[in-house]
Structures are given as structure tokens and as C-alpha cells.
Amino acid sequence: MEHPTTETLSRIPLFRRVNAEDREHLASASRLRHYQRGDHVFQTGDPSDFFFIVVSGRVKVYRRAPSGQDRILEIFGAGGLLGAVAAYESRPYPAAAEAMEPTTCLLTPRPDFFALLEARPSLVRGLLGSLSIRLMELTARLAELSGGRVESRLARLFLKLGDQMGRQERDGLLVPMALSRQELADLTGTTIETCIRIMSRWSKDAVLLTEKDGFLILDRPTLESLAE
């Protein structure tokens, strides 16, 4: 593992307003670790020895239900904080994190990070703000998984992905994230058979198409209607 550069830190939303001197201290205390698709960043129950931030790539955070089915709680891209609440409270990670593609993460040991917070108050506001936002998002995500029709949950998922990363291409909005039918099922708390059935119908009705490198939203109004 190598040290990150201050330029790398400047591209992470949490640290964009941190001054250059603070970034140098943070860079000295941190390391970069690289993961391949399928590698675990951490497992459920692992000790929270580090604060993790995604620098590049994508990571899914998931929990295994009593039935044995994996339920994806969230997908993090660049700038995402992984297991931050657990690390802040020094308790085991309550979920697992797995790289969905070649990914690089910033790792900062808990003791070093807290020492920096005490010495560098300018870091505190960004951290607390990010933790609050993540907690609210996770609460909303759990509510989505537990309520409503599956088709509504799937529609909300694609609307969210479209808002986060969609770009106009051809006659629709391209979401450049390749997700398998199983991953879509895990994200919406359903079975792969139900997911295949809905996606096939949407393709036939020209609502949403599956592309090689993602999904093409052709009929956003229909998705918005289903999401309600």
C-alpha cells in the first residue's frame, strides 16, 4: 500500500474544503489499497480498525438475511464512506463491503484519524455532516426494502441511479452501471425471478433497456408513476 497524494484527497468531497496542511497530515496517516472485483473490503463482524473512503471504482454494502439471501443496502462510488458509523463507535462492521469492479480505497487507522480530528478541528465538520447524511440515507434505504411493491422499489432504484450518474444518450438517460439481475434483486429485496419478469416487461414496453455497460431509461414518466 502507498500513501495518497494531497491531490487525491482534494478530489474526495469530504476533504475538498480542508486546507493543504491538513491534507498533508491526513495523507501521511493514510494508505491506498487496491481491490479487484469480488474482493471484500471488509466482512460482517470484522473489527472497525479503519475509516474507508472509496477513491475510485464501486463497492456494494450488503447484509445476509436469515433466509440466506444477500440484500444490498447501498452501492458506493468515488467519495463514499464505508462503515463510518461503526468505525466512529468502535464496533464491528454490521454489514459486508465488496468491490463490484477494480476499486481503490483510502484507509485511515481509527487512532490516527481521531488524533487528527483533535489536532485539526477543520476536519470535524465535514466528517459529522457526512455521517449524518449517510445515516439518513441508510434509514431511508431500509424503509424502501421493507415496504411497497417490488416494481415500485425497482423503479425508485433506477430513478435514483439516473439522478446520481445518468447522462443523456440517444433517446434516453444512460445509467453507466452494469448490474446483474441477482444484484438488482438484492438491491430491492426480491427474488431474481421477479426481477427478471419486471425487467423483461419494461424492455418489451420500451420503459428501460438493459445495455452492455448499464441501463437506458427510455420512459422516465412511467418509472416515476410506478415509484409512487
C-alpha atoms as a PDB file:
ATOM      1  CA  MET A   1       0.000   0.000   0.000  1.00  0.00           C
ATOM      2  CA  GLU A   2       1.188   3.506  -0.794  1.00  0.00           C
ATOM      3  CA  HIS A   3       0.431   6.910   0.687  1.00  0.00           C
ATOM      4  CA  PRO A   4      -2.164   9.013  -1.162  1.00  0.00           C
ATOM      5  CA  THR A   5      -1.212  12.385  -2.586  1.00  0.00           C
ATOM      6  CA  THR A   6      -2.819  15.586  -1.381  1.00  0.00           C
ATOM      7  CA  GLU A   7      -4.261  15.934  -4.889  1.00  0.00           C
ATOM      8  CA  THR A   8      -6.062  12.610  -4.429  1.00  0.00           C
ATOM      9  CA  LEU A   9      -7.541  13.854  -1.156  1.00  0.00           C
ATOM     10  CA  SER A  10      -8.695  17.095  -2.782  1.00  0.00           C
ATOM     11  CA  ARG A  11     -10.950  15.069  -5.105  1.00  0.00           C
ATOM     12  CA  ILE A  12     -12.775  13.443  -2.169  1.00  0.00           C
ATOM     13  CA  PRO A  13     -15.877  15.528  -1.265  1.00  0.00           C
ATOM     14  CA  LEU A  14     -15.303  15.118   2.480  1.00  0.00           C
ATOM     15  CA  PHE A  15     -11.914  16.848   2.240  1.00  0.00           C
ATOM     16  CA  ARG A  16     -12.446  19.413  -0.509  1.00  0.00           C
ATOM     17  CA  ARG A  17     -12.654  22.303   1.950  1.00  0.00           C
ATOM     18  CA  VAL A  18      -9.795  21.079   4.109  1.00  0.00           C
ATOM     19  CA  ASN A  19      -6.699  23.234   3.823  1.00  0.00           C
ATOM     20  CA  ALA A  20      -3.466  21.995   2.246  1.00  0.00           C
ATOM     21  CA  GLU A  21      -1.662  21.491   5.554  1.00  0.00           C
ATOM     22  CA  ASP A  22      -4.476  19.318   6.927  1.00  0.00           C
ATOM     23  CA  ARG A  23      -4.441  17.257   3.757  1.00  0.00           C
ATOM     24  CA  GLU A  24      -0.724  16.637   4.120  1.00  0.00           C
ATOM     25  CA  HIS A  25      -1.207  15.324   7.655  1.00  0.00           C
ATOM     26  CA  LEU A  26      -4.097  13.132   6.538  1.00  0.00           C
ATOM     27  CA  ALA A  27      -2.113  11.791   3.577  1.00  0.00           C
ATOM     28  CA  SER A  28       0.764  10.842   5.896  1.00  0.00           C
ATOM     29  CA  ALA A  29      -1.593   8.910   8.181  1.00  0.00           C
ATOM     30  CA  SER A  30      -3.459   7.102   5.386  1.00  0.00           C
ATOM     31  CA  ARG A  31      -2.832   4.418   2.788  1.00  0.00           C
ATOM     32  CA  LEU A  32      -4.341   3.409  -0.535  1.00  0.00           C
ATOM     33  CA  ARG A  33      -5.443  -0.183  -1.043  1.00  0.00           C
ATOM     34  CA  HIS A  34      -6.498  -1.697  -4.355  1.00  0.00           C
ATOM     35  CA  TYR A  35      -9.199  -4.349  -4.796  1.00  0.00           C
ATOM     36  CA  GLN A  36     -10.320  -6.495  -7.686  1.00  0.00           C
ATOM     37  CA  ARG A  37     -13.954  -7.303  -8.499  1.00  0.00           C
ATOM     38  CA  GLY A  38     -15.289  -9.686  -5.839  1.00  0.00           C
ATOM     39  CA  ASP A  39     -12.673  -8.779  -3.203  1.00  0.00           C
ATOM     40  CA  HIS A  40     -14.062  -7.953   0.221  1.00  0.00           C
ATOM     41  CA  VAL A  41     -13.134  -4.595   1.691  1.00  0.00           C
ATOM     42  CA  PHE A  42     -14.410  -5.948   4.995  1.00  0.00           C
ATOM     43  CA  GLN A  43     -16.717  -8.700   6.209  1.00  0.00           C
ATOM     44  CA  THR A  44     -19.681  -8.567   8.571  1.00  0.00           C
ATOM     45  CA  GLY A  45     -18.353  -8.687  12.123  1.00  0.00           C
ATOM     46  CA  ASP A  46     -14.814  -7.551  11.270  1.00  0.00           C
ATOM     47  CA  PRO A  47     -13.328  -5.065  13.771  1.00  0.00           C
ATOM     48  CA  SER A  48     -13.635  -1.481  12.554  1.00  0.00           C
ATOM     49  CA  ASP A  49      -9.929  -0.642  12.641  1.00  0.00           C
ATOM     50  CA  PHE A  50     -10.069   1.769   9.695  1.00  0.00           C
ATOM     51  CA  PHE A  51     -12.113   4.538   8.140  1.00  0.00           C
ATOM     52  CA  PHE A  52     -12.632   3.606   4.476  1.00  0.00           C
ATOM     53  CA  ILE A  53     -13.361   6.042   1.649  1.00  0.00           C
ATOM     54  CA  VAL A  54     -13.828   4.942  -1.966  1.00  0.00           C
ATOM     55  CA  VAL A  55     -11.338   6.784  -4.186  1.00  0.00           C
ATOM     56  CA  SER A  56     -12.293   5.078  -7.442  1.00  0.00           C
ATOM     57  CA  GLY A  57     -14.469   2.168  -8.503  1.00  0.00           C
ATOM     58  CA  ARG A  58     -17.665   0.918  -6.870  1.00  0.00           C
ATOM     59  CA  VAL A  59     -18.371  -1.031  -3.677  1.00  0.00           C
ATOM     60  CA  LYS A  60     -21.597  -2.690  -2.596  1.00  0.00           C
ATOM     61  CA  VAL A  61     -22.504  -2.937   1.082  1.00  0.00           C
ATOM     62  CA  TYR A  62     -24.814  -5.841   1.862  1.00  0.00           C
ATOM     63  CA  ARG A  63     -26.236  -7.936   4.667  1.00  0.00           C
ATOM     64  CA  ARG A  64     -27.242 -11.584   4.611  1.00  0.00           C
ATOM     65  CA  ALA A  65     -30.839 -12.164   5.637  1.00  0.00           C
ATOM     66  CA  PRO A  66     -31.847 -15.137   7.844  1.00  0.00           C
ATOM     67  CA  SER A  67     -33.167 -16.783   4.672  1.00  0.00           C
ATOM     68  CA  GLY A  68     -29.633 -16.741   3.269  1.00  0.00           C
ATOM     69  CA  GLN A  69     -30.395 -14.070   0.676  1.00  0.00           C
ATOM     70  CA  ASP A  70     -27.976 -11.166   0.358  1.00  0.00           C
ATOM     71  CA  ARG A  71     -29.616  -7.742   0.487  1.00  0.00           C
ATOM     72  CA  ILE A  72     -27.622  -4.847  -0.916  1.00  0.00           C
ATOM     73  CA  LEU A  73     -28.034  -1.823   1.326  1.00  0.00           C
ATOM     74  CA  GLU A  74     -26.145   0.626  -0.859  1.00  0.00           C
ATOM     75  CA  ILE A  75     -23.686   0.982  -3.709  1.00  0.00           C
ATOM     76  CA  PHE A  76     -20.863   3.464  -3.131  1.00  0.00           C
ATOM     77  CA  GLY A  77     -18.878   5.232  -5.813  1.00  0.00           C
ATOM     78  CA  ALA A  78     -15.986   7.659  -5.523  1.00  0.00           C
ATOM     79  CA  GLY A  79     -16.159   9.650  -2.300  1.00  0.00           C
ATOM     80  CA  GLY A  80     -18.368   7.160  -0.465  1.00  0.00           C
ATOM     81  CA  LEU A  81     -17.662   6.428   3.210  1.00  0.00           C
ATOM     82  CA  LEU A  82     -17.766   2.734   4.114  1.00  0.00           C
ATOM     83  CA  GLY A  83     -18.680   1.611   7.620  1.00  0.00           C
ATOM     84  CA  ALA A  84     -18.038   5.071   9.020  1.00  0.00           C
ATOM     85  CA  VAL A  85     -20.609   4.855  11.835  1.00  0.00           C
ATOM     86  CA  ALA A  86     -19.188   1.534  13.047  1.00  0.00           C
ATOM     87  CA  ALA A  87     -15.640   2.879  12.941  1.00  0.00           C
ATOM     88  CA  TYR A  88     -16.683   6.045  14.769  1.00  0.00           C
ATOM     89  CA  GLU A  89     -18.266   3.978  17.548  1.00  0.00           C
ATOM     90  CA  SER A  90     -15.531   1.309  17.538  1.00  0.00           C
ATOM     91  CA  ARG A  91     -17.907  -1.577  16.970  1.00  0.00           C
ATOM     92  CA  PRO A  92     -17.750  -4.411  14.410  1.00  0.00           C
ATOM     93  CA  TYR A  93     -18.932  -3.691  10.897  1.00  0.00           C
ATOM     94  CA  PRO A  94     -22.660  -4.619  10.753  1.00  0.00           C
ATOM     95  CA  ALA A  95     -22.505  -5.444   7.029  1.00  0.00           C
ATOM     96  CA  ALA A  96     -20.043  -6.616   4.406  1.00  0.00           C
ATOM     97  CA  ALA A  97     -18.463  -4.487   1.671  1.00  0.00           C
ATOM     98  CA  GLU A  98     -17.384  -5.976  -1.674  1.00  0.00           C
ATOM     99  CA  ALA A  99     -15.757  -4.411  -4.723  1.00  0.00           C
ATOM    100  CA  MET A 100     -18.003  -4.542  -7.789  1.00  0.00           C
ATOM    101  CA  GLU A 101     -15.137  -3.607 -10.126  1.00  0.00           C
ATOM    102  CA  PRO A 102     -11.450  -2.687  -9.769  1.00  0.00           C
ATOM    103  CA  THR A 103     -11.545  -0.294  -6.829  1.00  0.00           C
ATOM    104  CA  THR A 104      -9.175   1.828  -4.761  1.00  0.00           C
ATOM    105  CA  CYS A 105      -9.965   2.838  -1.175  1.00  0.00           C
ATOM    106  CA  LEU A 106      -8.383   5.269   1.242  1.00  0.00           C
ATOM    107  CA  LEU A 107      -7.702   3.627   4.622  1.00  0.00           C
ATOM    108  CA  THR A 108      -7.060   5.709   7.730  1.00  0.00           C
ATOM    109  CA  PRO A 109      -6.482   3.905  11.066  1.00  0.00           C
ATOM    110  CA  ARG A 110      -9.014   4.901  13.749  1.00  0.00           C
ATOM    111  CA  PRO A 111      -6.439   6.132  16.320  1.00  0.00           C
ATOM    112  CA  ASP A 112      -4.651   8.273  13.732  1.00  0.00           C
ATOM    113  CA  PHE A 113      -7.892   9.693  12.408  1.00  0.00           C
ATOM    114  CA  PHE A 114      -9.160  10.695  15.861  1.00  0.00           C
ATOM    115  CA  ALA A 115      -5.792  12.227  16.683  1.00  0.00           C
ATOM    116  CA  LEU A 116      -6.100  14.332  13.530  1.00  0.00           C
ATOM    117  CA  LEU A 117      -9.618  15.404  14.468  1.00  0.00           C
ATOM    118  CA  GLU A 118      -8.402  16.596  17.848  1.00  0.00           C
ATOM    119  CA  ALA A 119      -5.471  18.451  16.355  1.00  0.00           C
ATOM    120  CA  ARG A 120      -7.276  19.682  13.224  1.00  0.00           C
ATOM    121  CA  PRO A 121     -10.813  20.885  14.057  1.00  0.00           C
ATOM    122  CA  SER A 122     -11.429  21.800  10.423  1.00  0.00           C
ATOM    123  CA  LEU A 123     -11.885  18.092   9.671  1.00  0.00           C
ATOM    124  CA  VAL A 124     -14.664  17.654  12.215  1.00  0.00           C
ATOM    125  CA  ARG A 125     -17.486  19.456  10.447  1.00  0.00           C
ATOM    126  CA  GLY A 126     -17.077  17.527   7.206  1.00  0.00           C
ATOM    127  CA  LEU A 127     -16.987  14.185   8.976  1.00  0.00           C
ATOM    128  CA  LEU A 128     -20.029  14.803  11.172  1.00  0.00           C
ATOM    129  CA  GLY A 129     -22.007  16.193   8.257  1.00  0.00           C
ATOM    130  CA  SER A 130     -21.197  13.195   6.067  1.00  0.00           C
ATOM    131  CA  LEU A 131     -22.048  10.722   8.831  1.00  0.00           C
ATOM    132  CA  SER A 132     -25.420  12.394   9.393  1.00  0.00           C
ATOM    133  CA  ILE A 133     -26.276  12.274   5.703  1.00  0.00           C
ATOM    134  CA  ARG A 134     -25.224   8.625   5.430  1.00  0.00           C
ATOM    135  CA  LEU A 135     -27.341   7.680   8.446  1.00  0.00           C
ATOM    136  CA  MET A 136     -30.405   9.338   6.939  1.00  0.00           C
ATOM    137  CA  GLU A 137     -29.803   7.670   3.564  1.00  0.00           C
ATOM    138  CA  LEU A 138     -29.390   4.247   5.159  1.00  0.00           C
ATOM    139  CA  THR A 139     -32.587   4.679   7.178  1.00  0.00           C
ATOM    140  CA  ALA A 140     -34.472   5.590   4.011  1.00  0.00           C
ATOM    141  CA  ARG A 141     -32.893   2.651   2.160  1.00  0.00           C
ATOM    142  CA  LEU A 142     -34.038   0.161   4.816  1.00  0.00           C
ATOM    143  CA  ALA A 143     -37.553   1.615   4.624  1.00  0.00           C
ATOM    144  CA  GLU A 144     -37.570   1.141   0.851  1.00  0.00           C
ATOM    145  CA  LEU A 145     -36.565  -2.500   1.196  1.00  0.00           C
ATOM    146  CA  SER A 146     -39.309  -3.274   3.679  1.00  0.00           C
ATOM    147  CA  GLY A 147     -42.286  -1.555   2.058  1.00  0.00           C
ATOM    148  CA  GLY A 148     -44.141  -1.118  -1.194  1.00  0.00           C
ATOM    149  CA  ARG A 149     -44.458  -3.265  -4.290  1.00  0.00           C
ATOM    150  CA  VAL A 150     -41.330  -4.728  -5.836  1.00  0.00           C
ATOM    151  CA  GLU A 151     -41.951  -2.876  -9.103  1.00  0.00           C
ATOM    152  CA  SER A 152     -42.132   0.407  -7.165  1.00  0.00           C
ATOM    153  CA  ARG A 153     -38.859  -0.313  -5.379  1.00  0.00           C
ATOM    154  CA  LEU A 154     -37.156  -1.190  -8.661  1.00  0.00           C
ATOM    155  CA  ALA A 155     -38.463   1.992 -10.282  1.00  0.00           C
ATOM    156  CA  ARG A 156     -37.179   4.098  -7.372  1.00  0.00           C
ATOM    157  CA  LEU A 157     -33.780   2.431  -7.668  1.00  0.00           C
ATOM    158  CA  PHE A 158     -33.391   3.333 -11.349  1.00  0.00           C
ATOM    159  CA  LEU A 159     -34.647   6.875 -10.788  1.00  0.00           C
ATOM    160  CA  LYS A 160     -32.050   7.302  -8.041  1.00  0.00           C
ATOM    161  CA  LEU A 161     -29.249   5.897 -10.201  1.00  0.00           C
ATOM    162  CA  GLY A 162     -30.376   8.105 -13.068  1.00  0.00           C
ATOM    163  CA  ASP A 163     -30.229  11.202 -10.866  1.00  0.00           C
ATOM    164  CA  GLN A 164     -26.804  10.246  -9.487  1.00  0.00           C
ATOM    165  CA  MET A 165     -24.951   9.241 -12.627  1.00  0.00           C
ATOM    166  CA  GLY A 166     -27.261   9.311 -15.640  1.00  0.00           C
ATOM    167  CA  ARG A 167     -26.266  11.030 -18.869  1.00  0.00           C
ATOM    168  CA  GLN A 168     -28.311  11.759 -21.954  1.00  0.00           C
ATOM    169  CA  GLU A 169     -27.599   9.361 -24.809  1.00  0.00           C
ATOM    170  CA  ARG A 170     -29.628   8.524 -27.878  1.00  0.00           C
ATOM    171  CA  ASP A 171     -33.311   8.714 -26.905  1.00  0.00           C
ATOM    172  CA  GLY A 172     -32.943   8.240 -23.178  1.00  0.00           C
ATOM    173  CA  LEU A 173     -30.909   8.519 -19.994  1.00  0.00           C
ATOM    174  CA  LEU A 174     -27.989   6.088 -19.757  1.00  0.00           C
ATOM    175  CA  VAL A 175     -27.082   4.733 -16.320  1.00  0.00           C
ATOM    176  CA  PRO A 176     -23.476   3.531 -16.815  1.00  0.00           C
ATOM    177  CA  MET A 177     -23.524   0.808 -14.165  1.00  0.00           C
ATOM    178  CA  ALA A 178     -23.706  -2.856 -15.123  1.00  0.00           C
ATOM    179  CA  LEU A 179     -25.758  -4.766 -12.536  1.00  0.00           C
ATOM    180  CA  SER A 180     -26.771  -8.396 -12.813  1.00  0.00           C
ATOM    181  CA  ARG A 181     -30.375  -9.459 -12.288  1.00  0.00           C
ATOM    182  CA  GLN A 182     -29.277 -11.006  -8.979  1.00  0.00           C
ATOM    183  CA  GLU A 183     -27.720  -7.714  -7.852  1.00  0.00           C
ATOM    184  CA  LEU A 184     -30.893  -5.843  -8.798  1.00  0.00           C
ATOM    185  CA  ALA A 185     -32.908  -8.378  -6.822  1.00  0.00           C
ATOM    186  CA  ASP A 186     -30.611  -7.944  -3.824  1.00  0.00           C
ATOM    187  CA  LEU A 187     -30.916  -4.159  -4.041  1.00  0.00           C
ATOM    188  CA  THR A 188     -34.713  -4.307  -3.981  1.00  0.00           C
ATOM    189  CA  GLY A 189     -35.202  -7.203  -1.574  1.00  0.00           C
ATOM    190  CA  THR A 190     -36.857  -9.574  -4.023  1.00  0.00           C
ATOM    191  CA  THR A 191     -36.159 -12.780  -5.932  1.00  0.00           C
ATOM    192  CA  ILE A 192     -34.216 -12.987  -9.157  1.00  0.00           C
ATOM    193  CA  GLU A 193     -37.272 -14.486 -10.896  1.00  0.00           C
ATOM    194  CA  THR A 194     -39.413 -11.470 -10.018  1.00  0.00           C
ATOM    195  CA  CYS A 195     -36.675  -9.109 -11.119  1.00  0.00           C
ATOM    196  CA  ILE A 196     -36.274 -10.899 -14.474  1.00  0.00           C
ATOM    197  CA  ARG A 197     -40.034 -10.737 -15.055  1.00  0.00           C
ATOM    198  CA  ILE A 198     -40.264  -6.991 -14.371  1.00  0.00           C
ATOM    199  CA  MET A 199     -37.162  -6.122 -16.386  1.00  0.00           C
ATOM    200  CA  SER A 200     -38.402  -8.182 -19.336  1.00  0.00           C
ATOM    201  CA  ARG A 201     -41.756  -6.384 -19.283  1.00  0.00           C
ATOM    202  CA  TRP A 202     -40.089  -2.974 -19.082  1.00  0.00           C
ATOM    203  CA  SER A 203     -37.897  -3.856 -22.050  1.00  0.00           C
ATOM    204  CA  LYS A 204     -40.906  -5.022 -24.078  1.00  0.00           C
ATOM    205  CA  ASP A 205     -42.823  -1.820 -23.182  1.00  0.00           C
ATOM    206  CA  ALA A 206     -39.791   0.396 -24.003  1.00  0.00           C
ATOM    207  CA  VAL A 207     -39.573   1.735 -20.445  1.00  0.00           C
ATOM    208  CA  LEU A 208     -35.995   0.661 -19.702  1.00  0.00           C
ATOM    209  CA  LEU A 209     -33.456  -1.339 -21.696  1.00  0.00           C
ATOM    210  CA  THR A 210     -30.524  -3.381 -20.448  1.00  0.00           C
ATOM    211  CA  GLU A 211     -27.303  -2.337 -22.178  1.00  0.00           C
ATOM    212  CA  LYS A 212     -23.873  -3.970 -22.182  1.00  0.00           C
ATOM    213  CA  ASP A 213     -22.464  -1.404 -19.761  1.00  0.00           C
ATOM    214  CA  GLY A 214     -25.593  -0.304 -17.918  1.00  0.00           C
ATOM    215  CA  PHE A 215     -29.235   0.616 -18.471  1.00  0.00           C
ATOM    216  CA  LEU A 216     -31.055   3.032 -20.772  1.00  0.00           C
ATOM    217  CA  ILE A 217     -34.089   4.759 -19.262  1.00  0.00           C
ATOM    218  CA  LEU A 218     -36.465   5.487 -22.144  1.00  0.00           C
ATOM    219  CA  ASP A 219     -39.668   6.385 -20.286  1.00  0.00           C
ATOM    220  CA  ARG A 220     -38.925   8.261 -17.068  1.00  0.00           C
ATOM    221  CA  PRO A 221     -42.544   9.382 -16.512  1.00  0.00           C
ATOM    222  CA  THR A 222     -43.640   5.745 -16.336  1.00  0.00           C
ATOM    223  CA  LEU A 223     -40.924   4.962 -13.794  1.00  0.00           C
ATOM    224  CA  GLU A 224     -41.976   7.998 -11.738  1.00  0.00           C
ATOM    225  CA  SER A 225     -45.588   6.821 -11.810  1.00  0.00           C
ATOM    226  CA  LEU A 226     -44.574   3.315 -10.715  1.00  0.00           C
ATOM    227  CA  ALA A 227     -42.345   4.705  -7.965  1.00  0.00           C
ATOM    228  CA  GLU A 228     -45.300   6.420  -6.331  1.00  0.00           C
END
